[in-house]
């Protein structure tokens, strides 16, 4: 699997991320760091603890990372959750959180498959 094929599998925008980072090696470097990022874990914990401010902060951080990496559907899902949490007055919508978790799992699975094929 090529990096471009990896992006297609997650409905990401390879050309957008490449235009941002300028080199495929940089895109790969940052994409491969994504599975080790703790933001999703922070989001789940904050939601479980009903900490609305921390839920928003984590969702917003995840949104920023996914925008920078052009991660397509995960960006859309994290943006919707961030927008829902933005007023910091209500807990995370379970359906929106489930969408984020589903798209996140898809991205992680695809990145791991890419890593496996490279080895």
C-alpha atoms as a PDB file:
ATOM      1  CA  UNK A   1       0.000   0.000   0.000  1.00  0.00           C
ATOM      2  CA  UNK A   2       1.291   3.446  -0.852  1.00  0.00           C
ATOM      3  CA  UNK A   3       0.754   6.476   1.357  1.00  0.00           C
ATOM      4  CA  UNK A   4      -1.687   7.833  -1.231  1.00  0.00           C
ATOM      5  CA  UNK A   5      -3.654   4.555  -1.131  1.00  0.00           C
ATOM      6  CA  UNK A   6      -3.685   4.774   2.661  1.00  0.00           C
ATOM      7  CA  UNK A   7      -5.274   8.210   2.382  1.00  0.00           C
ATOM      8  CA  UNK A   8      -7.862   6.922  -0.087  1.00  0.00           C
ATOM      9  CA  UNK A   9      -8.850   4.145   2.324  1.00  0.00           C
ATOM     10  CA  UNK A  10      -9.633   6.682   5.054  1.00  0.00           C
ATOM     11  CA  UNK A  11     -11.245   9.153   2.677  1.00  0.00           C
ATOM     12  CA  UNK A  12      -8.434  11.586   3.370  1.00  0.00           C
ATOM     13  CA  UNK A  13      -7.139  14.253   1.023  1.00  0.00           C
ATOM     14  CA  UNK A  14      -3.624  13.190   0.060  1.00  0.00           C
ATOM     15  CA  UNK A  15      -3.045  16.123  -2.294  1.00  0.00           C
ATOM     16  CA  UNK A  16      -4.097  18.618   0.385  1.00  0.00           C
ATOM     17  CA  UNK A  17      -1.798  17.186   3.041  1.00  0.00           C
ATOM     18  CA  UNK A  18       1.054  16.914   0.538  1.00  0.00           C
ATOM     19  CA  UNK A  19       0.629  20.566  -0.433  1.00  0.00           C
ATOM     20  CA  UNK A  20       0.807  21.473   3.267  1.00  0.00           C
ATOM     21  CA  UNK A  21       3.869  19.368   4.159  1.00  0.00           C
ATOM     22  CA  UNK A  22       5.573  19.598   0.740  1.00  0.00           C
ATOM     23  CA  UNK A  23       7.277  16.182   1.054  1.00  0.00           C
ATOM     24  CA  UNK A  24       5.749  12.739   1.257  1.00  0.00           C
ATOM     25  CA  UNK A  25       8.330  11.795   3.877  1.00  0.00           C
ATOM     26  CA  UNK A  26       6.981  14.529   6.181  1.00  0.00           C
ATOM     27  CA  UNK A  27       3.388  13.464   5.594  1.00  0.00           C
ATOM     28  CA  UNK A  28       4.341   9.903   6.458  1.00  0.00           C
ATOM     29  CA  UNK A  29       6.331  10.980   9.512  1.00  0.00           C
ATOM     30  CA  UNK A  30       3.414  12.873  11.046  1.00  0.00           C
ATOM     31  CA  UNK A  31       0.743  10.387   9.984  1.00  0.00           C
ATOM     32  CA  UNK A  32       2.663   7.549  11.633  1.00  0.00           C
ATOM     33  CA  UNK A  33       2.794   9.546  14.880  1.00  0.00           C
ATOM     34  CA  UNK A  34      -0.986   9.836  14.946  1.00  0.00           C
ATOM     35  CA  UNK A  35      -1.711   6.381  16.487  1.00  0.00           C
ATOM     36  CA  UNK A  36       0.441   7.326  19.498  1.00  0.00           C
ATOM     37  CA  UNK A  37      -1.356  10.618  20.078  1.00  0.00           C
ATOM     38  CA  UNK A  38      -3.322  10.559  23.341  1.00  0.00           C
ATOM     39  CA  UNK A  39      -6.046  13.040  22.341  1.00  0.00           C
ATOM     40  CA  UNK A  40      -8.697  10.396  21.641  1.00  0.00           C
ATOM     41  CA  UNK A  41      -8.022   8.798  25.018  1.00  0.00           C
ATOM     42  CA  UNK A  42      -8.329  12.217  26.682  1.00  0.00           C
ATOM     43  CA  UNK A  43     -11.631  12.799  24.880  1.00  0.00           C
ATOM     44  CA  UNK A  44     -13.091   9.462  25.973  1.00  0.00           C
ATOM     45  CA  UNK A  45     -12.000  10.025  29.570  1.00  0.00           C
ATOM     46  CA  UNK A  46     -13.383  13.563  29.684  1.00  0.00           C
ATOM     47  CA  UNK A  47     -16.714  12.400  28.268  1.00  0.00           C
ATOM     48  CA  UNK A  48     -16.862   9.509  30.747  1.00  0.00           C
ATOM     49  CA  UNK A  49     -16.160  11.940  33.589  1.00  0.00           C
ATOM     50  CA  UNK A  50     -18.789  14.338  32.190  1.00  0.00           C
ATOM     51  CA  UNK A  51     -16.161  17.063  32.094  1.00  0.00           C
ATOM     52  CA  UNK A  52     -17.636  19.287  29.405  1.00  0.00           C
ATOM     53  CA  UNK A  53     -14.734  21.746  29.184  1.00  0.00           C
ATOM     54  CA  UNK A  54     -12.139  18.992  28.837  1.00  0.00           C
ATOM     55  CA  UNK A  55     -14.381  17.172  26.353  1.00  0.00           C
ATOM     56  CA  UNK A  56     -14.496  20.297  24.215  1.00  0.00           C
ATOM     57  CA  UNK A  57     -10.746  20.870  24.514  1.00  0.00           C
ATOM     58  CA  UNK A  58      -9.940  17.295  23.477  1.00  0.00           C
ATOM     59  CA  UNK A  59     -12.466  17.316  20.613  1.00  0.00           C
ATOM     60  CA  UNK A  60     -11.067  20.631  19.397  1.00  0.00           C
ATOM     61  CA  UNK A  61      -7.499  19.327  19.566  1.00  0.00           C
ATOM     62  CA  UNK A  62      -8.464  16.186  17.648  1.00  0.00           C
ATOM     63  CA  UNK A  63     -10.206  18.346  15.062  1.00  0.00           C
ATOM     64  CA  UNK A  64      -7.044  20.427  14.599  1.00  0.00           C
ATOM     65  CA  UNK A  65      -4.808  17.398  14.207  1.00  0.00           C
ATOM     66  CA  UNK A  66      -7.144  15.789  11.685  1.00  0.00           C
ATOM     67  CA  UNK A  67      -7.438  18.997   9.687  1.00  0.00           C
ATOM     68  CA  UNK A  68      -3.644  19.302   9.517  1.00  0.00           C
ATOM     69  CA  UNK A  69      -3.349  15.679   8.406  1.00  0.00           C
ATOM     70  CA  UNK A  70      -6.349  15.941   6.020  1.00  0.00           C
ATOM     71  CA  UNK A  71      -8.033  12.894   7.548  1.00  0.00           C
ATOM     72  CA  UNK A  72     -11.369  13.315   5.774  1.00  0.00           C
ATOM     73  CA  UNK A  73     -14.238  11.608   7.569  1.00  0.00           C
ATOM     74  CA  UNK A  74     -12.493  11.789  10.947  1.00  0.00           C
ATOM     75  CA  UNK A  75     -12.145  15.546  10.453  1.00  0.00           C
ATOM     76  CA  UNK A  76     -15.852  15.820   9.661  1.00  0.00           C
ATOM     77  CA  UNK A  77     -16.846  13.749  12.702  1.00  0.00           C
ATOM     78  CA  UNK A  78     -14.521  15.581  15.107  1.00  0.00           C
ATOM     79  CA  UNK A  79     -15.688  18.951  13.757  1.00  0.00           C
ATOM     80  CA  UNK A  80     -19.340  18.059  14.390  1.00  0.00           C
ATOM     81  CA  UNK A  81     -18.536  16.950  17.938  1.00  0.00           C
ATOM     82  CA  UNK A  82     -16.462  20.076  18.578  1.00  0.00           C
ATOM     83  CA  UNK A  83     -19.265  22.298  17.302  1.00  0.00           C
ATOM     84  CA  UNK A  84     -21.780  20.483  19.513  1.00  0.00           C
ATOM     85  CA  UNK A  85     -19.558  20.917  22.580  1.00  0.00           C
ATOM     86  CA  UNK A  86     -18.469  24.477  21.764  1.00  0.00           C
ATOM     87  CA  UNK A  87     -20.860  26.320  24.069  1.00  0.00           C
ATOM     88  CA  UNK A  88     -19.459  24.129  26.894  1.00  0.00           C
ATOM     89  CA  UNK A  89     -22.947  23.731  28.370  1.00  0.00           C
ATOM     90  CA  UNK A  90     -23.892  20.165  27.460  1.00  0.00           C
ATOM     91  CA  UNK A  91     -22.279  16.766  27.487  1.00  0.00           C
ATOM     92  CA  UNK A  92     -21.081  15.135  24.293  1.00  0.00           C
ATOM     93  CA  UNK A  93     -23.818  13.807  22.038  1.00  0.00           C
ATOM     94  CA  UNK A  94     -23.372   9.995  22.174  1.00  0.00           C
ATOM     95  CA  UNK A  95     -24.078   9.609  18.452  1.00  0.00           C
ATOM     96  CA  UNK A  96     -21.478  12.215  17.507  1.00  0.00           C
ATOM     97  CA  UNK A  97     -18.945  10.617  19.838  1.00  0.00           C
ATOM     98  CA  UNK A  98     -19.702   7.205  18.297  1.00  0.00           C
ATOM     99  CA  UNK A  99     -19.049   8.682  14.828  1.00  0.00           C
ATOM    100  CA  UNK A 100     -15.685  10.017  15.996  1.00  0.00           C
ATOM    101  CA  UNK A 101     -14.771   6.690  17.580  1.00  0.00           C
ATOM    102  CA  UNK A 102     -15.749   4.762  14.431  1.00  0.00           C
ATOM    103  CA  UNK A 103     -13.768   7.025  12.091  1.00  0.00           C
ATOM    104  CA  UNK A 104     -10.828   7.115  14.505  1.00  0.00           C
ATOM    105  CA  UNK A 105     -10.711   3.304  14.597  1.00  0.00           C
ATOM    106  CA  UNK A 106     -10.806   3.201  10.796  1.00  0.00           C
ATOM    107  CA  UNK A 107      -7.872   5.622  10.547  1.00  0.00           C
ATOM    108  CA  UNK A 108      -5.809   3.749  13.139  1.00  0.00           C
ATOM    109  CA  UNK A 109      -6.530   0.400  11.477  1.00  0.00           C
ATOM    110  CA  UNK A 110      -5.496   1.759   8.074  1.00  0.00           C
ATOM    111  CA  UNK A 111      -2.313   3.371   9.408  1.00  0.00           C
ATOM    112  CA  UNK A 112      -1.391   0.106  11.133  1.00  0.00           C
ATOM    113  CA  UNK A 113      -1.981  -1.801   7.884  1.00  0.00           C
ATOM    114  CA  UNK A 114       0.250   0.698   6.071  1.00  0.00           C
ATOM    115  CA  UNK A 115       2.970   0.216   8.693  1.00  0.00           C
ATOM    116  CA  UNK A 116       2.696  -3.575   8.464  1.00  0.00           C
ATOM    117  CA  UNK A 117       3.091  -3.547   4.702  1.00  0.00           C
ATOM    118  CA  UNK A 118       6.149  -1.315   4.929  1.00  0.00           C
ATOM    119  CA  UNK A 119       7.970  -3.724   7.243  1.00  0.00           C
END
